[in-house]
C-alpha cells in the first residue's frame, strides 16, 4: 500500500488529497515528509 501511495503522490502535483482512516493516512504523512498541508 505504501508503494502504491508513493506512486499516486507523484501524479497529484498541487491537488488536494483526502486519505482514509488507518495506515493509509499514516503512510501518506510519512511519504510527504515536511509538506502536509495538501492532505
ModelCIF file with pLDDT and N, C-alpha, C, O atoms, coordinates in Angstrom:
data_MODEL
#
_entry.id   MODEL 
#
_entity.id                         1 
_entity.type                       polymer 
_entity.pdbx_number_of_molecules   1 
#
_entity_poly.entity_id                      1 
_entity_poly.type                           'polypeptide(L)' 
_entity_poly.nstd_linkage                   no 
_entity_poly.nstd_monomer                   no 
_entity_poly.pdbx_seq_one_letter_code       
;(UNK)(UNK)(UNK)(UNK)(UNK)(UNK)(UNK)(UNK)(UNK)(UNK)(UNK)(UNK)(UNK)(UNK)(UNK)(UNK)
(UNK)(UNK)(UNK)(UNK)(UNK)(UNK)(UNK)(UNK)(UNK)(UNK)(UNK)(UNK)(UNK)(UNK)(UNK)(UNK)
(UNK)(UNK)(UNK)(UNK)(UNK)(UNK)(UNK)
;
_entity_poly.pdbx_seq_one_letter_code_can   XXXXXXXXXXXXXXXXXXXXXXXXXXXXXXXXXXXXXXX 
_entity_poly.pdbx_strand_id                 A 
#
loop_
_entity_poly_seq.entity_id 
_entity_poly_seq.num 
_entity_poly_seq.mon_id 
_entity_poly_seq.hetero 
1 1  UNK n 
1 2  UNK n 
1 3  UNK n 
1 4  UNK n 
1 5  UNK n 
1 6  UNK n 
1 7  UNK n 
1 8  UNK n 
1 9  UNK n 
1 10 UNK n 
1 11 UNK n 
1 12 UNK n 
1 13 UNK n 
1 14 UNK n 
1 15 UNK n 
1 16 UNK n 
1 17 UNK n 
1 18 UNK n 
1 19 UNK n 
1 20 UNK n 
1 21 UNK n 
1 22 UNK n 
1 23 UNK n 
1 24 UNK n 
1 25 UNK n 
1 26 UNK n 
1 27 UNK n 
1 28 UNK n 
1 29 UNK n 
1 30 UNK n 
1 31 UNK n 
1 32 UNK n 
1 33 UNK n 
1 34 UNK n 
1 35 UNK n 
1 36 UNK n 
1 37 UNK n 
1 38 UNK n 
1 39 UNK n 
#
_struct_asym.id          A 
_struct_asym.entity_id   1 
#
loop_
_ma_qa_metric.id 
_ma_qa_metric.mode 
_ma_qa_metric.name 
_ma_qa_metric.software_group_id 
_ma_qa_metric.type 
1 global pLDDT . pLDDT 
2 local  pLDDT . pLDDT 
#
_ma_qa_metric_global.metric_id      1 
_ma_qa_metric_global.metric_value   90.31 
_ma_qa_metric_global.model_id       1 
_ma_qa_metric_global.ordinal_id     1 
#
loop_
_ma_qa_metric_local.label_asym_id 
_ma_qa_metric_local.label_comp_id 
_ma_qa_metric_local.label_seq_id 
_ma_qa_metric_local.metric_id 
_ma_qa_metric_local.metric_value 
_ma_qa_metric_local.model_id 
_ma_qa_metric_local.ordinal_id 
A UNK 1  2 91.00 1 1  
A UNK 2  2 94.00 1 2  
A UNK 3  2 95.00 1 3  
A UNK 4  2 96.00 1 4  
A UNK 5  2 95.00 1 5  
A UNK 6  2 94.00 1 6  
A UNK 7  2 95.00 1 7  
A UNK 8  2 96.00 1 8  
A UNK 9  2 94.00 1 9  
A UNK 10 2 93.00 1 10 
A UNK 11 2 93.00 1 11 
A UNK 12 2 93.00 1 12 
A UNK 13 2 90.00 1 13 
A UNK 14 2 91.00 1 14 
A UNK 15 2 94.00 1 15 
A UNK 16 2 96.00 1 16 
A UNK 17 2 95.00 1 17 
A UNK 18 2 96.00 1 18 
A UNK 19 2 94.00 1 19 
A UNK 20 2 91.00 1 20 
A UNK 21 2 86.00 1 21 
A UNK 22 2 84.00 1 22 
A UNK 23 2 87.00 1 23 
A UNK 24 2 88.00 1 24 
A UNK 25 2 89.00 1 25 
A UNK 26 2 89.00 1 26 
A UNK 27 2 91.00 1 27 
A UNK 28 2 92.00 1 28 
A UNK 29 2 91.00 1 29 
A UNK 30 2 90.00 1 30 
A UNK 31 2 89.00 1 31 
A UNK 32 2 88.00 1 32 
A UNK 33 2 79.00 1 33 
A UNK 34 2 69.00 1 34 
A UNK 35 2 77.00 1 35 
A UNK 36 2 84.00 1 36 
A UNK 37 2 91.00 1 37 
A UNK 38 2 91.00 1 38 
A UNK 39 2 91.00 1 39 
#
loop_
_atom_site.group_PDB 
_atom_site.id 
_atom_site.type_symbol 
_atom_site.label_atom_id 
_atom_site.label_alt_id 
_atom_site.label_comp_id 
_atom_site.label_asym_id 
_atom_site.label_entity_id 
_atom_site.label_seq_id 
_atom_site.pdbx_PDB_ins_code 
_atom_site.Cartn_x 
_atom_site.Cartn_y 
_atom_site.Cartn_z 
_atom_site.occupancy 
_atom_site.B_iso_or_equiv 
_atom_site.pdbx_formal_charge 
_atom_site.auth_seq_id 
_atom_site.auth_comp_id 
_atom_site.auth_asym_id 
_atom_site.auth_atom_id 
_atom_site.pdbx_PDB_model_num 
ATOM 1   N N  . UNK A 1 1  ? 0.839  -1.202 0.000   1.00 91.00 ? 1  UNK A N  1 
ATOM 2   C CA . UNK A 1 1  ? 0.000  0.000  0.000   1.00 91.00 ? 1  UNK A CA 1 
ATOM 3   C C  . UNK A 1 1  ? 0.877  1.256  0.000   1.00 91.00 ? 1  UNK A C  1 
ATOM 4   O O  . UNK A 1 1  ? 0.565  2.229  -0.687  1.00 91.00 ? 1  UNK A O  1 
ATOM 5   N N  . UNK A 1 2  ? 1.955  1.239  0.755   1.00 94.00 ? 2  UNK A N  1 
ATOM 6   C CA . UNK A 1 2  ? 2.836  2.404  0.820   1.00 94.00 ? 2  UNK A CA 1 
ATOM 7   C C  . UNK A 1 2  ? 3.462  2.706  -0.542  1.00 94.00 ? 2  UNK A C  1 
ATOM 8   O O  . UNK A 1 2  ? 3.565  3.868  -0.933  1.00 94.00 ? 2  UNK A O  1 
ATOM 9   N N  . UNK A 1 3  ? 3.877  1.670  -1.260  1.00 95.00 ? 3  UNK A N  1 
ATOM 10  C CA . UNK A 1 3  ? 4.429  1.865  -2.602  1.00 95.00 ? 3  UNK A CA 1 
ATOM 11  C C  . UNK A 1 3  ? 3.383  2.456  -3.536  1.00 95.00 ? 3  UNK A C  1 
ATOM 12  O O  . UNK A 1 3  ? 3.683  3.338  -4.341  1.00 95.00 ? 3  UNK A O  1 
ATOM 13  N N  . UNK A 1 4  ? 2.156  1.966  -3.423  1.00 96.00 ? 4  UNK A N  1 
ATOM 14  C CA . UNK A 1 4  ? 1.060  2.491  -4.253  1.00 96.00 ? 4  UNK A CA 1 
ATOM 15  C C  . UNK A 1 4  ? 0.837  3.969  -3.970  1.00 96.00 ? 4  UNK A C  1 
ATOM 16  O O  . UNK A 1 4  ? 0.686  4.767  -4.896  1.00 96.00 ? 4  UNK A O  1 
ATOM 17  N N  . UNK A 1 5  ? 0.814  4.333  -2.694  1.00 95.00 ? 5  UNK A N  1 
ATOM 18  C CA . UNK A 1 5  ? 0.583  5.740  -2.332  1.00 95.00 ? 5  UNK A CA 1 
ATOM 19  C C  . UNK A 1 5  ? 1.735  6.616  -2.821  1.00 95.00 ? 5  UNK A C  1 
ATOM 20  O O  . UNK A 1 5  ? 1.510  7.739  -3.272  1.00 95.00 ? 5  UNK A O  1 
ATOM 21  N N  . UNK A 1 6  ? 2.954  6.116  -2.735  1.00 94.00 ? 6  UNK A N  1 
ATOM 22  C CA . UNK A 1 6  ? 4.107  6.867  -3.263  1.00 94.00 ? 6  UNK A CA 1 
ATOM 23  C C  . UNK A 1 6  ? 3.919  7.195  -4.744  1.00 94.00 ? 6  UNK A C  1 
ATOM 24  O O  . UNK A 1 6  ? 4.205  8.311  -5.178  1.00 94.00 ? 6  UNK A O  1 
ATOM 25  N N  . UNK A 1 7  ? 3.445  6.230  -5.507  1.00 95.00 ? 7  UNK A N  1 
ATOM 26  C CA . UNK A 1 7  ? 3.242  6.455  -6.935  1.00 95.00 ? 7  UNK A CA 1 
ATOM 27  C C  . UNK A 1 7  ? 2.084  7.417  -7.183  1.00 95.00 ? 7  UNK A C  1 
ATOM 28  O O  . UNK A 1 7  ? 2.155  8.235  -8.101  1.00 95.00 ? 7  UNK A O  1 
ATOM 29  N N  . UNK A 1 8  ? 1.030  7.337  -6.392  1.00 96.00 ? 8  UNK A N  1 
ATOM 30  C CA . UNK A 1 8  ? -0.093 8.268  -6.548  1.00 96.00 ? 8  UNK A CA 1 
ATOM 31  C C  . UNK A 1 8  ? 0.379  9.701  -6.321  1.00 96.00 ? 8  UNK A C  1 
ATOM 32  O O  . UNK A 1 8  ? 0.042  10.604 -7.087  1.00 96.00 ? 8  UNK A O  1 
ATOM 33  N N  . UNK A 1 9  ? 1.163  9.899  -5.262  1.00 94.00 ? 9  UNK A N  1 
ATOM 34  C CA . UNK A 1 9  ? 1.614  11.242 -4.903  1.00 94.00 ? 9  UNK A CA 1 
ATOM 35  C C  . UNK A 1 9  ? 2.469  11.868 -6.004  1.00 94.00 ? 9  UNK A C  1 
ATOM 36  O O  . UNK A 1 9  ? 2.494  13.090 -6.147  1.00 94.00 ? 9  UNK A O  1 
ATOM 37  N N  . UNK A 1 10 ? 3.165  11.048 -6.775  1.00 93.00 ? 10 UNK A N  1 
ATOM 38  C CA . UNK A 1 10 ? 3.981  11.574 -7.879  1.00 93.00 ? 10 UNK A CA 1 
ATOM 39  C C  . UNK A 1 10 ? 3.116  12.260 -8.943  1.00 93.00 ? 10 UNK A C  1 
ATOM 40  O O  . UNK A 1 10 ? 3.596  13.111 -9.691  1.00 93.00 ? 10 UNK A O  1 
ATOM 41  N N  . UNK A 1 11 ? 1.829  11.876 -8.998  1.00 93.00 ? 11 UNK A N  1 
ATOM 42  C CA . UNK A 1 11 ? 0.954  12.399 -10.051 1.00 93.00 ? 11 UNK A CA 1 
ATOM 43  C C  . UNK A 1 11 ? -0.015 13.472 -9.551  1.00 93.00 ? 11 UNK A C  1 
ATOM 44  O O  . UNK A 1 11 ? -0.649 14.150 -10.359 1.00 93.00 ? 11 UNK A O  1 
ATOM 45  N N  . UNK A 1 12 ? -0.136 13.633 -8.242  1.00 93.00 ? 12 UNK A N  1 
ATOM 46  C CA . UNK A 1 12 ? -1.169 14.549 -7.728  1.00 93.00 ? 12 UNK A CA 1 
ATOM 47  C C  . UNK A 1 12 ? -0.755 16.011 -7.800  1.00 93.00 ? 12 UNK A C  1 
ATOM 48  O O  . UNK A 1 12 ? -1.607 16.899 -7.788  1.00 93.00 ? 12 UNK A O  1 
ATOM 49  N N  . UNK A 1 13 ? 0.549  16.267 -7.875  1.00 90.00 ? 13 UNK A N  1 
ATOM 50  C CA . UNK A 1 13 ? 1.011  17.642 -8.001  1.00 90.00 ? 13 UNK A CA 1 
ATOM 51  C C  . UNK A 1 13 ? 0.505  18.529 -6.887  1.00 90.00 ? 13 UNK A C  1 
ATOM 52  O O  . UNK A 1 13 ? 0.734  18.257 -5.709  1.00 90.00 ? 13 UNK A O  1 
ATOM 53  N N  . UNK A 1 14 ? -0.194 19.605 -7.268  1.00 91.00 ? 14 UNK A N  1 
ATOM 54  C CA . UNK A 1 14 ? -0.703 20.570 -6.296  1.00 91.00 ? 14 UNK A CA 1 
ATOM 55  C C  . UNK A 1 14 ? -2.159 20.292 -5.920  1.00 91.00 ? 14 UNK A C  1 
ATOM 56  O O  . UNK A 1 14 ? -2.831 21.156 -5.358  1.00 91.00 ? 14 UNK A O  1 
ATOM 57  N N  . UNK A 1 15 ? -2.642 19.102 -6.225  1.00 94.00 ? 15 UNK A N  1 
ATOM 58  C CA . UNK A 1 15 ? -4.029 18.763 -5.938  1.00 94.00 ? 15 UNK A CA 1 
ATOM 59  C C  . UNK A 1 15 ? -4.186 18.317 -4.471  1.00 94.00 ? 15 UNK A C  1 
ATOM 60  O O  . UNK A 1 15 ? -3.268 17.719 -3.910  1.00 94.00 ? 15 UNK A O  1 
ATOM 61  N N  . UNK A 1 16 ? -5.325 18.601 -3.857  1.00 96.00 ? 16 UNK A N  1 
ATOM 62  C CA . UNK A 1 16 ? -5.580 18.111 -2.502  1.00 96.00 ? 16 UNK A CA 1 
ATOM 63  C C  . UNK A 1 16 ? -5.895 16.610 -2.490  1.00 96.00 ? 16 UNK A C  1 
ATOM 64  O O  . UNK A 1 16 ? -6.465 16.067 -3.436  1.00 96.00 ? 16 UNK A O  1 
ATOM 65  N N  . UNK A 1 17 ? -5.509 15.969 -1.400  1.00 95.00 ? 17 UNK A N  1 
ATOM 66  C CA . UNK A 1 17 ? -5.788 14.545 -1.200  1.00 95.00 ? 17 UNK A CA 1 
ATOM 67  C C  . UNK A 1 17 ? -6.529 14.370 0.120   1.00 95.00 ? 17 UNK A C  1 
ATOM 68  O O  . UNK A 1 17 ? -6.146 14.937 1.142   1.00 95.00 ? 17 UNK A O  1 
ATOM 69  N N  . UNK A 1 18 ? -7.587 13.582 0.081   1.00 96.00 ? 18 UNK A N  1 
ATOM 70  C CA . UNK A 1 18 ? -8.258 13.128 1.302   1.00 96.00 ? 18 UNK A CA 1 
ATOM 71  C C  . UNK A 1 18 ? -7.923 11.647 1.466   1.00 96.00 ? 18 UNK A C  1 
ATOM 72  O O  . UNK A 1 18 ? -8.208 10.843 0.578   1.00 96.00 ? 18 UNK A O  1 
ATOM 73  N N  . UNK A 1 19 ? -7.320 11.287 2.595   1.00 94.00 ? 19 UNK A N  1 
ATOM 74  C CA . UNK A 1 19 ? -6.919 9.891  2.799   1.00 94.00 ? 19 UNK A CA 1 
ATOM 75  C C  . UNK A 1 19 ? -7.747 9.253  3.899   1.00 94.00 ? 19 UNK A C  1 
ATOM 76  O O  . UNK A 1 19 ? -8.209 9.923  4.823   1.00 94.00 ? 19 UNK A O  1 
ATOM 77  N N  . UNK A 1 20 ? -7.924 7.953  3.783   1.00 91.00 ? 20 UNK A N  1 
ATOM 78  C CA . UNK A 1 20 ? -8.843 7.227  4.650   1.00 91.00 ? 20 UNK A CA 1 
ATOM 79  C C  . UNK A 1 20 ? -8.241 6.905  6.019   1.00 91.00 ? 20 UNK A C  1 
ATOM 80  O O  . UNK A 1 20 ? -7.051 7.102  6.261   1.00 91.00 ? 20 UNK A O  1 
ATOM 81  N N  . UNK A 1 21 ? -9.089 6.411  6.887   1.00 86.00 ? 21 UNK A N  1 
ATOM 82  C CA . UNK A 1 21 ? -8.716 6.010  8.238   1.00 86.00 ? 21 UNK A CA 1 
ATOM 83  C C  . UNK A 1 21 ? -7.664 4.902  8.228   1.00 86.00 ? 21 UNK A C  1 
ATOM 84  O O  . UNK A 1 21 ? -7.683 4.029  7.359   1.00 86.00 ? 21 UNK A O  1 
ATOM 85  N N  . UNK A 1 22 ? -6.761 4.940  9.181   1.00 84.00 ? 22 UNK A N  1 
ATOM 86  C CA . UNK A 1 22 ? -5.833 3.825  9.371   1.00 84.00 ? 22 UNK A CA 1 
ATOM 87  C C  . UNK A 1 22 ? -4.456 4.079  8.803   1.00 84.00 ? 22 UNK A C  1 
ATOM 88  O O  . UNK A 1 22 ? -3.986 5.215  8.746   1.00 84.00 ? 22 UNK A O  1 
ATOM 89  N N  . UNK A 1 23 ? -3.813 2.992  8.381   1.00 87.00 ? 23 UNK A N  1 
ATOM 90  C CA . UNK A 1 23 ? -2.408 3.075  7.992   1.00 87.00 ? 23 UNK A CA 1 
ATOM 91  C C  . UNK A 1 23 ? -2.187 3.842  6.693   1.00 87.00 ? 23 UNK A C  1 
ATOM 92  O O  . UNK A 1 23 ? -1.094 4.365  6.471   1.00 87.00 ? 23 UNK A O  1 
ATOM 93  N N  . UNK A 1 24 ? -3.184 3.920  5.844   1.00 88.00 ? 24 UNK A N  1 
ATOM 94  C CA . UNK A 1 24 ? -3.022 4.688  4.600   1.00 88.00 ? 24 UNK A CA 1 
ATOM 95  C C  . UNK A 1 24 ? -2.681 6.145  4.902   1.00 88.00 ? 24 UNK A C  1 
ATOM 96  O O  . UNK A 1 24 ? -1.802 6.720  4.260   1.00 88.00 ? 24 UNK A O  1 
ATOM 97  N N  . UNK A 1 25 ? -3.367 6.746  5.870   1.00 89.00 ? 25 UNK A N  1 
ATOM 98  C CA . UNK A 1 25 ? -3.075 8.138  6.231   1.00 89.00 ? 25 UNK A CA 1 
ATOM 99  C C  . UNK A 1 25 ? -1.703 8.249  6.891   1.00 89.00 ? 25 UNK A C  1 
ATOM 100 O O  . UNK A 1 25 ? -0.984 9.223  6.670   1.00 89.00 ? 25 UNK A O  1 
ATOM 101 N N  . UNK A 1 26 ? -1.343 7.269  7.688   1.00 89.00 ? 26 UNK A N  1 
ATOM 102 C CA . UNK A 1 26 ? -0.020 7.286  8.317   1.00 89.00 ? 26 UNK A CA 1 
ATOM 103 C C  . UNK A 1 26 ? 1.085  7.196  7.259   1.00 89.00 ? 26 UNK A C  1 
ATOM 104 O O  . UNK A 1 26 ? 2.107  7.875  7.350   1.00 89.00 ? 26 UNK A O  1 
ATOM 105 N N  . UNK A 1 27 ? 0.858  6.352  6.263   1.00 91.00 ? 27 UNK A N  1 
ATOM 106 C CA . UNK A 1 27 ? 1.851  6.210  5.197   1.00 91.00 ? 27 UNK A CA 1 
ATOM 107 C C  . UNK A 1 27 ? 1.939  7.481  4.356   1.00 91.00 ? 27 UNK A C  1 
ATOM 108 O O  . UNK A 1 27 ? 3.034  7.913  3.994   1.00 91.00 ? 27 UNK A O  1 
ATOM 109 N N  . UNK A 1 28 ? 0.794  8.078  4.045   1.00 92.00 ? 28 UNK A N  1 
ATOM 110 C CA . UNK A 1 28 ? 0.797  9.323  3.281   1.00 92.00 ? 28 UNK A CA 1 
ATOM 111 C C  . UNK A 1 28 ? 1.553  10.405 4.041   1.00 92.00 ? 28 UNK A C  1 
ATOM 112 O O  . UNK A 1 28 ? 2.322  11.157 3.442   1.00 92.00 ? 28 UNK A O  1 
ATOM 113 N N  . UNK A 1 29 ? 1.347  10.492 5.337   1.00 91.00 ? 29 UNK A N  1 
ATOM 114 C CA . UNK A 1 29 ? 2.022  11.501 6.155   1.00 91.00 ? 29 UNK A CA 1 
ATOM 115 C C  . UNK A 1 29 ? 3.539  11.336 6.073   1.00 91.00 ? 29 UNK A C  1 
ATOM 116 O O  . UNK A 1 29 ? 4.264  12.323 5.946   1.00 91.00 ? 29 UNK A O  1 
ATOM 117 N N  . UNK A 1 30 ? 4.020  10.094 6.144   1.00 90.00 ? 30 UNK A N  1 
ATOM 118 C CA . UNK A 1 30 ? 5.463  9.868  6.090   1.00 90.00 ? 30 UNK A CA 1 
ATOM 119 C C  . UNK A 1 30 ? 6.020  10.120 4.685   1.00 90.00 ? 30 UNK A C  1 
ATOM 120 O O  . UNK A 1 30 ? 7.131  10.629 4.535   1.00 90.00 ? 30 UNK A O  1 
ATOM 121 N N  . UNK A 1 31 ? 5.255  9.767  3.675   1.00 89.00 ? 31 UNK A N  1 
ATOM 122 C CA . UNK A 1 31 ? 5.703  9.986  2.295   1.00 89.00 ? 31 UNK A CA 1 
ATOM 123 C C  . UNK A 1 31 ? 5.869  11.482 2.009   1.00 89.00 ? 31 UNK A C  1 
ATOM 124 O O  . UNK A 1 31 ? 6.806  11.878 1.316   1.00 89.00 ? 31 UNK A O  1 
ATOM 125 N N  . UNK A 1 32 ? 4.983  12.299 2.529   1.00 88.00 ? 32 UNK A N  1 
ATOM 126 C CA . UNK A 1 32 ? 5.030  13.740 2.289   1.00 88.00 ? 32 UNK A CA 1 
ATOM 127 C C  . UNK A 1 32 ? 6.211  14.411 2.999   1.00 88.00 ? 32 UNK A C  1 
ATOM 128 O O  . UNK A 1 32 ? 6.616  15.508 2.615   1.00 88.00 ? 32 UNK A O  1 
ATOM 129 N N  . UNK A 1 33 ? 6.756  13.777 4.010   1.00 79.00 ? 33 UNK A N  1 
ATOM 130 C CA . UNK A 1 33 ? 7.871  14.307 4.790   1.00 79.00 ? 33 UNK A CA 1 
ATOM 131 C C  . UNK A 1 33 ? 7.485  15.648 5.416   1.00 79.00 ? 33 UNK A C  1 
ATOM 132 O O  . UNK A 1 33 ? 6.786  15.652 6.429   1.00 79.00 ? 33 UNK A O  1 
ATOM 133 N N  . UNK A 1 34 ? 7.904  16.778 4.863   1.00 69.00 ? 34 UNK A N  1 
ATOM 134 C CA . UNK A 1 34 ? 7.655  18.064 5.516   1.00 69.00 ? 34 UNK A CA 1 
ATOM 135 C C  . UNK A 1 34 ? 6.600  18.903 4.790   1.00 69.00 ? 34 UNK A C  1 
ATOM 136 O O  . UNK A 1 34 ? 6.529  20.113 5.006   1.00 69.00 ? 34 UNK A O  1 
ATOM 137 N N  . UNK A 1 35 ? 5.786  18.290 3.940   1.00 77.00 ? 35 UNK A N  1 
ATOM 138 C CA . UNK A 1 35 ? 4.754  19.026 3.214   1.00 77.00 ? 35 UNK A CA 1 
ATOM 139 C C  . UNK A 1 35 ? 3.415  18.319 3.385   1.00 77.00 ? 35 UNK A C  1 
ATOM 140 O O  . UNK A 1 35 ? 3.093  17.400 2.632   1.00 77.00 ? 35 UNK A O  1 
ATOM 141 N N  . UNK A 1 36 ? 2.637  18.747 4.374   1.00 84.00 ? 36 UNK A N  1 
ATOM 142 C CA . UNK A 1 36 ? 1.405  18.029 4.708   1.00 84.00 ? 36 UNK A CA 1 
ATOM 143 C C  . UNK A 1 36 ? 0.137  18.836 4.475   1.00 84.00 ? 36 UNK A C  1 
ATOM 144 O O  . UNK A 1 36 ? -0.964 18.315 4.653   1.00 84.00 ? 36 UNK A O  1 
ATOM 145 N N  . UNK A 1 37 ? 0.269  20.099 4.080   1.00 91.00 ? 37 UNK A N  1 
ATOM 146 C CA . UNK A 1 37 ? -0.913 20.946 4.005   1.00 91.00 ? 37 UNK A CA 1 
ATOM 147 C C  . UNK A 1 37 ? -1.872 20.549 2.895   1.00 91.00 ? 37 UNK A C  1 
ATOM 148 O O  . UNK A 1 37 ? -3.034 20.953 2.919   1.00 91.00 ? 37 UNK A O  1 
ATOM 149 N N  . UNK A 1 38 ? -1.413 19.764 1.918   1.00 91.00 ? 38 UNK A N  1 
ATOM 150 C CA . UNK A 1 38 ? -2.283 19.363 0.807   1.00 91.00 ? 38 UNK A CA 1 
ATOM 151 C C  . UNK A 1 38 ? -3.180 18.182 1.165   1.00 91.00 ? 38 UNK A C  1 
ATOM 152 O O  . UNK A 1 38 ? -4.070 17.821 0.394   1.00 91.00 ? 38 UNK A O  1 
ATOM 153 N N  . UNK A 1 39 ? -2.951 17.582 2.325   1.00 91.00 ? 39 UNK A N  1 
ATOM 154 C CA . UNK A 1 39 ? -3.629 16.330 2.667   1.00 91.00 ? 39 UNK A CA 1 
ATOM 155 C C  . UNK A 1 39 ? -4.554 16.500 3.855   1.00 91.00 ? 39 UNK A C  1 
ATOM 156 O O  . UNK A 1 39 ? -5.203 15.542 4.275   1.00 91.00 ? 39 UNK A O  1 
#
